[in-house]
């Protein structure tokens, strides 16, 4: 069986398990706070922070930090670029799966 799947085209930013989970969670909401995202992704604070930074540097997520009642609040949202990248990633995986199931 031959395949035209090119692994070189995989978006390495999204391909990480934790970053994929973050992107999937963000794709379903307008905005989510860090604590809720932490529970959704089921990782540590440090790990989530590192992966969010990587996604933010790629332009895939927007991080907004503010204070509410003198308490810090970090809000996360997916950008248009991030949404497009996630859909392209999912389309690629789906296409690959279809070629393998023939």
PDB file of N, CA and C in Angstrom:
ATOM      1  N   UNK A   1       0.858  -1.172   0.000  1.00  0.00           N
ATOM      2  CA  UNK A   1       0.000   0.000   0.000  1.00  0.00           C
ATOM      3  C   UNK A   1       0.906   1.237   0.000  1.00  0.00           C
ATOM      4  N   UNK A   2       0.683   2.139  -0.929  1.00  0.00           N
ATOM      5  CA  UNK A   2       1.458   3.376  -0.968  1.00  0.00           C
ATOM      6  C   UNK A   2       0.608   4.518  -0.437  1.00  0.00           C
ATOM      7  N   UNK A   3       1.294   5.496   0.084  1.00  0.00           N
ATOM      8  CA  UNK A   3       0.601   6.643   0.660  1.00  0.00           C
ATOM      9  C   UNK A   3       1.300   7.912   0.217  1.00  0.00           C
ATOM     10  N   UNK A   4       0.522   8.951   0.020  1.00  0.00           N
ATOM     11  CA  UNK A   4       1.106  10.237  -0.353  1.00  0.00           C
ATOM     12  C   UNK A   4       1.253  11.137   0.870  1.00  0.00           C
ATOM     13  N   UNK A   5       1.100  10.566   2.047  1.00  0.00           N
ATOM     14  CA  UNK A   5       1.198  11.339   3.272  1.00  0.00           C
ATOM     15  C   UNK A   5       2.637  11.813   3.477  1.00  0.00           C
ATOM     16  N   UNK A   6       2.794  13.104   3.686  1.00  0.00           N
ATOM     17  CA  UNK A   6       4.118  13.682   3.889  1.00  0.00           C
ATOM     18  C   UNK A   6       4.242  14.142   5.334  1.00  0.00           C
ATOM     19  N   UNK A   7       4.941  13.346   6.134  1.00  0.00           N
ATOM     20  CA  UNK A   7       5.075  13.673   7.561  1.00  0.00           C
ATOM     21  C   UNK A   7       5.798  14.998   7.797  1.00  0.00           C
ATOM     22  N   UNK A   8       6.521  15.472   6.806  1.00  0.00           N
ATOM     23  CA  UNK A   8       7.225  16.757   6.926  1.00  0.00           C
ATOM     24  C   UNK A   8       6.248  17.929   7.027  1.00  0.00           C
ATOM     25  N   UNK A   9       5.015  17.726   6.601  1.00  0.00           N
ATOM     26  CA  UNK A   9       4.016  18.802   6.623  1.00  0.00           C
ATOM     27  C   UNK A   9       3.238  18.887   7.939  1.00  0.00           C
ATOM     28  N   UNK A  10       3.524  17.988   8.862  1.00  0.00           N
ATOM     29  CA  UNK A  10       2.833  18.011  10.147  1.00  0.00           C
ATOM     30  C   UNK A  10       3.239  19.277  10.900  1.00  0.00           C
ATOM     31  N   UNK A  11       2.253  19.977  11.413  1.00  0.00           N
ATOM     32  CA  UNK A  11       2.496  21.185  12.200  1.00  0.00           C
ATOM     33  C   UNK A  11       3.035  20.751  13.564  1.00  0.00           C
ATOM     34  N   UNK A  12       4.328  20.913  13.775  1.00  0.00           N
ATOM     35  CA  UNK A  12       4.962  20.451  15.005  1.00  0.00           C
ATOM     36  C   UNK A  12       4.522  21.244  16.231  1.00  0.00           C
ATOM     37  N   UNK A  13       4.014  22.436  16.011  1.00  0.00           N
ATOM     38  CA  UNK A  13       3.517  23.219  17.142  1.00  0.00           C
ATOM     39  C   UNK A  13       2.275  22.539  17.717  1.00  0.00           C
ATOM     40  N   UNK A  14       1.360  22.135  16.880  1.00  0.00           N
ATOM     41  CA  UNK A  14       0.113  21.520  17.331  1.00  0.00           C
ATOM     42  C   UNK A  14       0.293  20.039  17.662  1.00  0.00           C
ATOM     43  N   UNK A  15       1.251  19.375  17.044  1.00  0.00           N
ATOM     44  CA  UNK A  15       1.377  17.929  17.132  1.00  0.00           C
ATOM     45  C   UNK A  15       1.674  17.398  18.538  1.00  0.00           C
ATOM     46  N   UNK A  16       2.181  18.212  19.421  1.00  0.00           N
ATOM     47  CA  UNK A  16       2.416  17.797  20.801  1.00  0.00           C
ATOM     48  C   UNK A  16       1.082  17.442  21.459  1.00  0.00           C
ATOM     49  N   UNK A  17       1.067  16.391  22.263  1.00  0.00           N
ATOM     50  CA  UNK A  17      -0.188  15.952  22.898  1.00  0.00           C
ATOM     51  C   UNK A  17      -0.828  17.057  23.718  1.00  0.00           C
ATOM     52  N   UNK A  18      -0.034  17.742  24.526  1.00  0.00           N
ATOM     53  CA  UNK A  18      -0.602  18.777  25.388  1.00  0.00           C
ATOM     54  C   UNK A  18      -1.065  19.968  24.566  1.00  0.00           C
ATOM     55  N   UNK A  19      -0.279  20.391  23.573  1.00  0.00           N
ATOM     56  CA  UNK A  19      -0.685  21.532  22.752  1.00  0.00           C
ATOM     57  C   UNK A  19      -1.923  21.197  21.923  1.00  0.00           C
ATOM     58  N   UNK A  20      -2.034  19.968  21.465  1.00  0.00           N
ATOM     59  CA  UNK A  20      -3.235  19.563  20.740  1.00  0.00           C
ATOM     60  C   UNK A  20      -4.449  19.607  21.668  1.00  0.00           C
ATOM     61  N   UNK A  21      -4.275  19.152  22.900  1.00  0.00           N
ATOM     62  CA  UNK A  21      -5.371  19.195  23.872  1.00  0.00           C
ATOM     63  C   UNK A  21      -5.764  20.642  24.176  1.00  0.00           C
ATOM     64  N   UNK A  22      -4.785  21.517  24.307  1.00  0.00           N
ATOM     65  CA  UNK A  22      -5.060  22.936  24.543  1.00  0.00           C
ATOM     66  C   UNK A  22      -5.855  23.512  23.380  1.00  0.00           C
ATOM     67  N   UNK A  23      -5.389  23.264  22.170  1.00  0.00           N
ATOM     68  CA  UNK A  23      -6.058  23.806  20.981  1.00  0.00           C
ATOM     69  C   UNK A  23      -7.479  23.253  20.863  1.00  0.00           C
ATOM     70  N   UNK A  24      -7.661  21.977  21.151  1.00  0.00           N
ATOM     71  CA  UNK A  24      -8.994  21.379  21.077  1.00  0.00           C
ATOM     72  C   UNK A  24      -9.922  22.027  22.106  1.00  0.00           C
ATOM     73  N   UNK A  25      -9.425  22.259  23.302  1.00  0.00           N
ATOM     74  CA  UNK A  25     -10.242  22.895  24.338  1.00  0.00           C
ATOM     75  C   UNK A  25     -10.581  24.331  23.954  1.00  0.00           C
ATOM     76  N   UNK A  26      -9.607  25.057  23.434  1.00  0.00           N
ATOM     77  CA  UNK A  26      -9.846  26.453  23.065  1.00  0.00           C
ATOM     78  C   UNK A  26     -10.766  26.588  21.863  1.00  0.00           C
ATOM     79  N   UNK A  27     -10.775  25.579  20.999  1.00  0.00           N
ATOM     80  CA  UNK A  27     -11.606  25.636  19.797  1.00  0.00           C
ATOM     81  C   UNK A  27     -13.093  25.593  20.114  1.00  0.00           C
ATOM     82  N   UNK A  28     -13.430  25.177  21.318  1.00  0.00           N
ATOM     83  CA  UNK A  28     -14.838  25.013  21.671  1.00  0.00           C
ATOM     84  C   UNK A  28     -15.415  26.189  22.457  1.00  0.00           C
ATOM     85  N   UNK A  29     -14.583  27.177  22.763  1.00  0.00           N
ATOM     86  CA  UNK A  29     -15.025  28.320  23.576  1.00  0.00           C
ATOM     87  C   UNK A  29     -14.474  29.624  23.001  1.00  0.00           C
ATOM     88  N   UNK A  30     -15.076  30.730  23.394  1.00  0.00           N
ATOM     89  CA  UNK A  30     -14.532  32.031  23.005  1.00  0.00           C
ATOM     90  C   UNK A  30     -13.284  32.346  23.810  1.00  0.00           C
ATOM     91  N   UNK A  31     -13.354  32.027  25.097  1.00  0.00           N
ATOM     92  CA  UNK A  31     -12.272  32.334  26.019  1.00  0.00           C
ATOM     93  C   UNK A  31     -12.363  31.374  27.195  1.00  0.00           C
ATOM     94  N   UNK A  32     -11.218  31.044  27.781  1.00  0.00           N
ATOM     95  CA  UNK A  32     -11.216  30.157  28.943  1.00  0.00           C
ATOM     96  C   UNK A  32     -10.142  30.632  29.909  1.00  0.00           C
ATOM     97  N   UNK A  33     -10.421  30.528  31.190  1.00  0.00           N
ATOM     98  CA  UNK A  33      -9.422  30.955  32.168  1.00  0.00           C
ATOM     99  C   UNK A  33      -8.412  29.823  32.390  1.00  0.00           C
ATOM    100  N   UNK A  34      -7.236  30.206  32.849  1.00  0.00           N
ATOM    101  CA  UNK A  34      -6.114  29.279  33.017  1.00  0.00           C
ATOM    102  C   UNK A  34      -6.496  28.086  33.894  1.00  0.00           C
ATOM    103  N   UNK A  35      -7.177  28.337  34.996  1.00  0.00           N
ATOM    104  CA  UNK A  35      -7.533  27.271  35.937  1.00  0.00           C
ATOM    105  C   UNK A  35      -8.471  26.248  35.297  1.00  0.00           C
ATOM    106  N   UNK A  36      -9.445  26.721  34.555  1.00  0.00           N
ATOM    107  CA  UNK A  36     -10.362  25.812  33.872  1.00  0.00           C
ATOM    108  C   UNK A  36      -9.635  25.023  32.790  1.00  0.00           C
ATOM    109  N   UNK A  37      -8.773  25.705  32.045  1.00  0.00           N
ATOM    110  CA  UNK A  37      -7.992  25.031  31.004  1.00  0.00           C
ATOM    111  C   UNK A  37      -7.075  23.980  31.624  1.00  0.00           C
ATOM    112  N   UNK A  38      -6.508  24.294  32.762  1.00  0.00           N
ATOM    113  CA  UNK A  38      -5.645  23.355  33.474  1.00  0.00           C
ATOM    114  C   UNK A  38      -6.393  22.057  33.773  1.00  0.00           C
ATOM    115  N   UNK A  39      -7.632  22.179  34.213  1.00  0.00           N
ATOM    116  CA  UNK A  39      -8.461  20.997  34.498  1.00  0.00           C
ATOM    117  C   UNK A  39      -8.814  20.252  33.217  1.00  0.00           C
ATOM    118  N   UNK A  40      -9.124  20.997  32.159  1.00  0.00           N
ATOM    119  CA  UNK A  40      -9.494  20.377  30.878  1.00  0.00           C
ATOM    120  C   UNK A  40      -8.334  19.567  30.299  1.00  0.00           C
ATOM    121  N   UNK A  41      -7.146  20.116  30.364  1.00  0.00           N
ATOM    122  CA  UNK A  41      -5.975  19.491  29.742  1.00  0.00           C
ATOM    123  C   UNK A  41      -5.350  18.435  30.661  1.00  0.00           C
ATOM    124  N   UNK A  42      -5.586  18.573  31.974  1.00  0.00           N
ATOM    125  CA  UNK A  42      -5.080  17.607  32.956  1.00  0.00           C
ATOM    126  C   UNK A  42      -3.557  17.519  32.940  1.00  0.00           C
ATOM    127  N   UNK A  43      -2.927  18.651  33.209  1.00  0.00           N
ATOM    128  CA  UNK A  43      -1.473  18.712  33.288  1.00  0.00           C
ATOM    129  C   UNK A  43      -1.093  19.601  34.463  1.00  0.00           C
ATOM    130  N   UNK A  44       0.175  19.912  34.608  1.00  0.00           N
ATOM    131  CA  UNK A  44       0.619  20.781  35.698  1.00  0.00           C
ATOM    132  C   UNK A  44       0.580  22.241  35.253  1.00  0.00           C
ATOM    133  N   UNK A  45       0.602  23.148  36.219  1.00  0.00           N
ATOM    134  CA  UNK A  45       0.599  24.577  35.905  1.00  0.00           C
ATOM    135  C   UNK A  45       1.804  24.958  35.058  1.00  0.00           C
ATOM    136  N   UNK A  46       2.979  24.485  35.444  1.00  0.00           N
ATOM    137  CA  UNK A  46       4.193  24.805  34.698  1.00  0.00           C
ATOM    138  C   UNK A  46       4.157  24.282  33.278  1.00  0.00           C
ATOM    139  N   UNK A  47       3.692  23.059  33.119  1.00  0.00           N
ATOM    140  CA  UNK A  47       3.601  22.450  31.797  1.00  0.00           C
ATOM    141  C   UNK A  47       2.622  23.212  30.910  1.00  0.00           C
ATOM    142  N   UNK A  48       1.460  23.542  31.472  1.00  0.00           N
ATOM    143  CA  UNK A  48       0.473  24.292  30.706  1.00  0.00           C
ATOM    144  C   UNK A  48       1.031  25.652  30.305  1.00  0.00           C
ATOM    145  N   UNK A  49       1.688  26.308  31.221  1.00  0.00           N
ATOM    146  CA  UNK A  49       2.257  27.622  30.950  1.00  0.00           C
ATOM    147  C   UNK A  49       3.282  27.577  29.821  1.00  0.00           C
ATOM    148  N   UNK A  50       4.159  26.590  29.859  1.00  0.00           N
ATOM    149  CA  UNK A  50       5.187  26.445  28.813  1.00  0.00           C
ATOM    150  C   UNK A  50       4.547  26.216  27.450  1.00  0.00           C
ATOM    151  N   UNK A  51       3.553  25.338  27.388  1.00  0.00           N
ATOM    152  CA  UNK A  51       2.909  25.027  26.111  1.00  0.00           C
ATOM    153  C   UNK A  51       2.067  26.196  25.604  1.00  0.00           C
ATOM    154  N   UNK A  52       1.423  26.923  26.510  1.00  0.00           N
ATOM    155  CA  UNK A  52       0.677  28.120  26.096  1.00  0.00           C
ATOM    156  C   UNK A  52       1.624  29.166  25.515  1.00  0.00           C
ATOM    157  N   UNK A  53       2.783  29.319  26.121  1.00  0.00           N
ATOM    158  CA  UNK A  53       3.771  30.278  25.615  1.00  0.00           C
ATOM    159  C   UNK A  53       4.201  29.910  24.206  1.00  0.00           C
ATOM    160  N   UNK A  54       4.443  28.639  23.968  1.00  0.00           N
ATOM    161  CA  UNK A  54       4.840  28.176  22.632  1.00  0.00           C
ATOM    162  C   UNK A  54       3.732  28.449  21.613  1.00  0.00           C
ATOM    163  N   UNK A  55       2.491  28.189  22.003  1.00  0.00           N
ATOM    164  CA  UNK A  55       1.356  28.454  21.111  1.00  0.00           C
ATOM    165  C   UNK A  55       1.170  29.949  20.882  1.00  0.00           C
ATOM    166  N   UNK A  56       1.398  30.744  21.913  1.00  0.00           N
ATOM    167  CA  UNK A  56       1.285  32.196  21.779  1.00  0.00           C
ATOM    168  C   UNK A  56       2.375  32.729  20.846  1.00  0.00           C
ATOM    169  N   UNK A  57       3.596  32.239  20.997  1.00  0.00           N
ATOM    170  CA  UNK A  57       4.701  32.666  20.129  1.00  0.00           C
ATOM    171  C   UNK A  57       4.435  32.321  18.665  1.00  0.00           C
ATOM    172  N   UNK A  58       3.719  31.246  18.421  1.00  0.00           N
ATOM    173  CA  UNK A  58       3.367  30.843  17.056  1.00  0.00           C
ATOM    174  C   UNK A  58       2.185  31.644  16.523  1.00  0.00           C
ATOM    175  N   UNK A  59       1.548  32.427  17.389  1.00  0.00           N
ATOM    176  CA  UNK A  59       0.391  33.209  16.973  1.00  0.00           C
ATOM    177  C   UNK A  59      -0.904  32.411  16.973  1.00  0.00           C
ATOM    178  N   UNK A  60      -0.903  31.255  17.649  1.00  0.00           N
ATOM    179  CA  UNK A  60      -2.073  30.386  17.656  1.00  0.00           C
ATOM    180  C   UNK A  60      -3.049  30.694  18.791  1.00  0.00           C
ATOM    181  N   UNK A  61      -2.535  31.251  19.885  1.00  0.00           N
ATOM    182  CA  UNK A  61      -3.402  31.612  21.004  1.00  0.00           C
ATOM    183  C   UNK A  61      -3.097  33.032  21.462  1.00  0.00           C
ATOM    184  N   UNK A  62      -4.081  33.613  22.115  1.00  0.00           N
ATOM    185  CA  UNK A  62      -3.943  34.943  22.706  1.00  0.00           C
ATOM    186  C   UNK A  62      -4.067  34.769  24.213  1.00  0.00           C
ATOM    187  N   UNK A  63      -3.125  35.349  24.945  1.00  0.00           N
ATOM    188  CA  UNK A  63      -3.130  35.287  26.398  1.00  0.00           C
ATOM    189  C   UNK A  63      -3.379  36.696  26.921  1.00  0.00           C
ATOM    190  N   UNK A  64      -4.370  36.831  27.767  1.00  0.00           N
ATOM    191  CA  UNK A  64      -4.700  38.120  28.371  1.00  0.00           C
ATOM    192  C   UNK A  64      -4.594  37.978  29.882  1.00  0.00           C
ATOM    193  N   UNK A  65      -3.772  38.823  30.494  1.00  0.00           N
ATOM    194  CA  UNK A  65      -3.614  38.781  31.951  1.00  0.00           C
ATOM    195  C   UNK A  65      -4.185  40.060  32.530  1.00  0.00           C
ATOM    196  N   UNK A  66      -5.002  39.886  33.572  1.00  0.00           N
ATOM    197  CA  UNK A  66      -5.582  41.040  34.236  1.00  0.00           C
ATOM    198  C   UNK A  66      -5.859  40.687  35.688  1.00  0.00           C
ATOM    199  N   UNK A  67      -6.329  41.657  36.430  1.00  0.00           N
ATOM    200  CA  UNK A  67      -6.682  41.442  37.824  1.00  0.00           C
ATOM    201  C   UNK A  67      -8.184  41.647  37.993  1.00  0.00           C
ATOM    202  N   UNK A  68      -8.800  40.762  38.752  1.00  0.00           N
ATOM    203  CA  UNK A  68     -10.210  40.875  39.098  1.00  0.00           C
ATOM    204  C   UNK A  68     -10.287  40.764  40.622  1.00  0.00           C
ATOM    205  N   UNK A  69     -10.801  41.814  41.249  1.00  0.00           N
ATOM    206  CA  UNK A  69     -10.833  41.864  42.718  1.00  0.00           C
ATOM    207  C   UNK A  69      -9.458  41.596  43.320  1.00  0.00           C
ATOM    208  N   UNK A  70      -8.443  42.207  42.721  1.00  0.00           N
ATOM    209  CA  UNK A  70      -7.048  42.114  43.170  1.00  0.00           C
ATOM    210  C   UNK A  70      -6.437  40.721  43.032  1.00  0.00           C
ATOM    211  N   UNK A  71      -7.102  39.855  42.295  1.00  0.00           N
ATOM    212  CA  UNK A  71      -6.578  38.516  42.038  1.00  0.00           C
ATOM    213  C   UNK A  71      -6.222  38.401  40.562  1.00  0.00           C
ATOM    214  N   UNK A  72      -5.077  37.772  40.259  1.00  0.00           N
ATOM    215  CA  UNK A  72      -4.698  37.625  38.851  1.00  0.00           C
ATOM    216  C   UNK A  72      -5.631  36.669  38.111  1.00  0.00           C
ATOM    217  N   UNK A  73      -5.910  37.015  36.873  1.00  0.00           N
ATOM    218  CA  UNK A  73      -6.747  36.182  36.009  1.00  0.00           C
ATOM    219  C   UNK A  73      -6.090  36.112  34.640  1.00  0.00           C
ATOM    220  N   UNK A  74      -5.826  34.907  34.200  1.00  0.00           N
ATOM    221  CA  UNK A  74      -5.255  34.691  32.872  1.00  0.00           C
ATOM    222  C   UNK A  74      -6.323  34.084  31.987  1.00  0.00           C
ATOM    223  N   UNK A  75      -6.615  34.762  30.887  1.00  0.00           N
ATOM    224  CA  UNK A  75      -7.613  34.286  29.933  1.00  0.00           C
ATOM    225  C   UNK A  75      -6.923  33.872  28.639  1.00  0.00           C
ATOM    226  N   UNK A  76      -7.372  32.776  28.075  1.00  0.00           N
ATOM    227  CA  UNK A  76      -6.772  32.232  26.855  1.00  0.00           C
ATOM    228  C   UNK A  76      -7.842  32.088  25.788  1.00  0.00           C
ATOM    229  N   UNK A  77      -7.455  32.364  24.552  1.00  0.00           N
ATOM    230  CA  UNK A  77      -8.367  32.174  23.428  1.00  0.00           C
ATOM    231  C   UNK A  77      -7.559  31.798  22.193  1.00  0.00           C
ATOM    232  N   UNK A  78      -8.211  31.108  21.283  1.00  0.00           N
ATOM    233  CA  UNK A  78      -7.558  30.729  20.034  1.00  0.00           C
ATOM    234  C   UNK A  78      -7.676  31.903  19.058  1.00  0.00           C
ATOM    235  N   UNK A  79      -6.635  32.132  18.271  1.00  0.00           N
ATOM    236  CA  UNK A  79      -6.662  33.187  17.255  1.00  0.00           C
ATOM    237  C   UNK A  79      -7.191  32.609  15.948  1.00  0.00           C
ATOM    238  N   UNK A  80      -7.456  33.467  14.986  1.00  0.00           N
ATOM    239  CA  UNK A  80      -7.877  32.984  13.661  1.00  0.00           C
ATOM    240  C   UNK A  80      -6.786  32.110  13.054  1.00  0.00           C
ATOM    241  N   UNK A  81      -5.543  32.544  13.226  1.00  0.00           N
ATOM    242  CA  UNK A  81      -4.415  31.762  12.704  1.00  0.00           C
ATOM    243  C   UNK A  81      -4.378  30.382  13.372  1.00  0.00           C
ATOM    244  N   UNK A  82      -4.600  30.363  14.678  1.00  0.00           N
ATOM    245  CA  UNK A  82      -4.602  29.098  15.412  1.00  0.00           C
ATOM    246  C   UNK A  82      -5.737  28.190  14.985  1.00  0.00           C
ATOM    247  N   UNK A  83      -6.902  28.772  14.789  1.00  0.00           N
ATOM    248  CA  UNK A  83      -8.056  27.996  14.343  1.00  0.00           C
ATOM    249  C   UNK A  83      -7.794  27.393  12.962  1.00  0.00           C
ATOM    250  N   UNK A  84      -7.239  28.189  12.078  1.00  0.00           N
ATOM    251  CA  UNK A  84      -6.904  27.688  10.733  1.00  0.00           C
ATOM    252  C   UNK A  84      -5.867  26.570  10.808  1.00  0.00           C
ATOM    253  N   UNK A  85      -4.864  26.752  11.656  1.00  0.00           N
ATOM    254  CA  UNK A  85      -3.815  25.737  11.803  1.00  0.00           C
ATOM    255  C   UNK A  85      -4.385  24.441  12.373  1.00  0.00           C
ATOM    256  N   UNK A  86      -5.277  24.558  13.344  1.00  0.00           N
ATOM    257  CA  UNK A  86      -5.888  23.363  13.929  1.00  0.00           C
ATOM    258  C   UNK A  86      -6.728  22.625  12.890  1.00  0.00           C
ATOM    259  N   UNK A  87      -7.525  23.356  12.127  1.00  0.00           N
ATOM    260  CA  UNK A  87      -8.346  22.710  11.097  1.00  0.00           C
ATOM    261  C   UNK A  87      -7.473  22.048  10.029  1.00  0.00           C
ATOM    262  N   UNK A  88      -6.403  22.705   9.637  1.00  0.00           N
ATOM    263  CA  UNK A  88      -5.488  22.120   8.648  1.00  0.00           C
ATOM    264  C   UNK A  88      -4.849  20.841   9.204  1.00  0.00           C
ATOM    265  N   UNK A  89      -4.466  20.872  10.460  1.00  0.00           N
ATOM    266  CA  UNK A  89      -3.876  19.701  11.110  1.00  0.00           C
ATOM    267  C   UNK A  89      -4.881  18.548  11.128  1.00  0.00           C
ATOM    268  N   UNK A  90      -6.109  18.842  11.551  1.00  0.00           N
ATOM    269  CA  UNK A  90      -7.137  17.799  11.618  1.00  0.00           C
ATOM    270  C   UNK A  90      -7.481  17.259  10.232  1.00  0.00           C
ATOM    271  N   UNK A  91      -7.526  18.143   9.236  1.00  0.00           N
ATOM    272  CA  UNK A  91      -7.777  17.699   7.862  1.00  0.00           C
ATOM    273  C   UNK A  91      -6.678  16.765   7.384  1.00  0.00           C
ATOM    274  N   UNK A  92      -5.429  17.083   7.725  1.00  0.00           N
ATOM    275  CA  UNK A  92      -4.305  16.253   7.304  1.00  0.00           C
ATOM    276  C   UNK A  92      -4.382  14.873   7.964  1.00  0.00           C
ATOM    277  N   UNK A  93      -4.672  14.839   9.246  1.00  0.00           N
ATOM    278  CA  UNK A  93      -4.776  13.563   9.953  1.00  0.00           C
ATOM    279  C   UNK A  93      -5.936  12.737   9.400  1.00  0.00           C
ATOM    280  N   UNK A  94      -7.051  13.395   9.131  1.00  0.00           N
ATOM    281  CA  UNK A  94      -8.214  12.706   8.570  1.00  0.00           C
ATOM    282  C   UNK A  94      -7.888  12.132   7.189  1.00  0.00           C
ATOM    283  N   UNK A  95      -7.243  12.927   6.355  1.00  0.00           N
ATOM    284  CA  UNK A  95      -6.865  12.462   5.011  1.00  0.00           C
ATOM    285  C   UNK A  95      -5.926  11.267   5.099  1.00  0.00           C
ATOM    286  N   UNK A  96      -4.972  11.339   6.029  1.00  0.00           N
ATOM    287  CA  UNK A  96      -4.043  10.225   6.193  1.00  0.00           C
ATOM    288  C   UNK A  96      -4.789   8.970   6.639  1.00  0.00           C
ATOM    289  N   UNK A  97      -5.706   9.122   7.582  1.00  0.00           N
ATOM    290  CA  UNK A  97      -6.472   7.976   8.078  1.00  0.00           C
ATOM    291  C   UNK A  97      -7.281   7.346   6.953  1.00  0.00           C
ATOM    292  N   UNK A  98      -7.837   8.178   6.076  1.00  0.00           N
ATOM    293  CA  UNK A  98      -8.629   7.648   4.968  1.00  0.00           C
ATOM    294  C   UNK A  98      -7.767   6.859   3.992  1.00  0.00           C
ATOM    295  N   UNK A  99      -6.546   7.301   3.758  1.00  0.00           N
ATOM    296  CA  UNK A  99      -5.666   6.571   2.830  1.00  0.00           C
ATOM    297  C   UNK A  99      -5.254   5.230   3.428  1.00  0.00           C
ATOM    298  N   UNK A 100      -5.193   5.165   4.745  1.00  0.00           N
ATOM    299  CA  UNK A 100      -4.769   3.925   5.414  1.00  0.00           C
ATOM    300  C   UNK A 100      -5.904   2.927   5.526  1.00  0.00           C
ATOM    301  N   UNK A 101      -7.157   3.367   5.431  1.00  0.00           N
ATOM    302  CA  UNK A 101      -8.285   2.457   5.637  1.00  0.00           C
ATOM    303  C   UNK A 101      -8.785   1.841   4.333  1.00  0.00           C
ATOM    304  N   UNK A 102      -8.124   2.122   3.252  1.00  0.00           N
ATOM    305  CA  UNK A 102      -8.551   1.554   1.961  1.00  0.00           C
ATOM    306  C   UNK A 102      -8.096   0.139   1.807  1.00  0.00           C
TER     307      UNK A 102
END
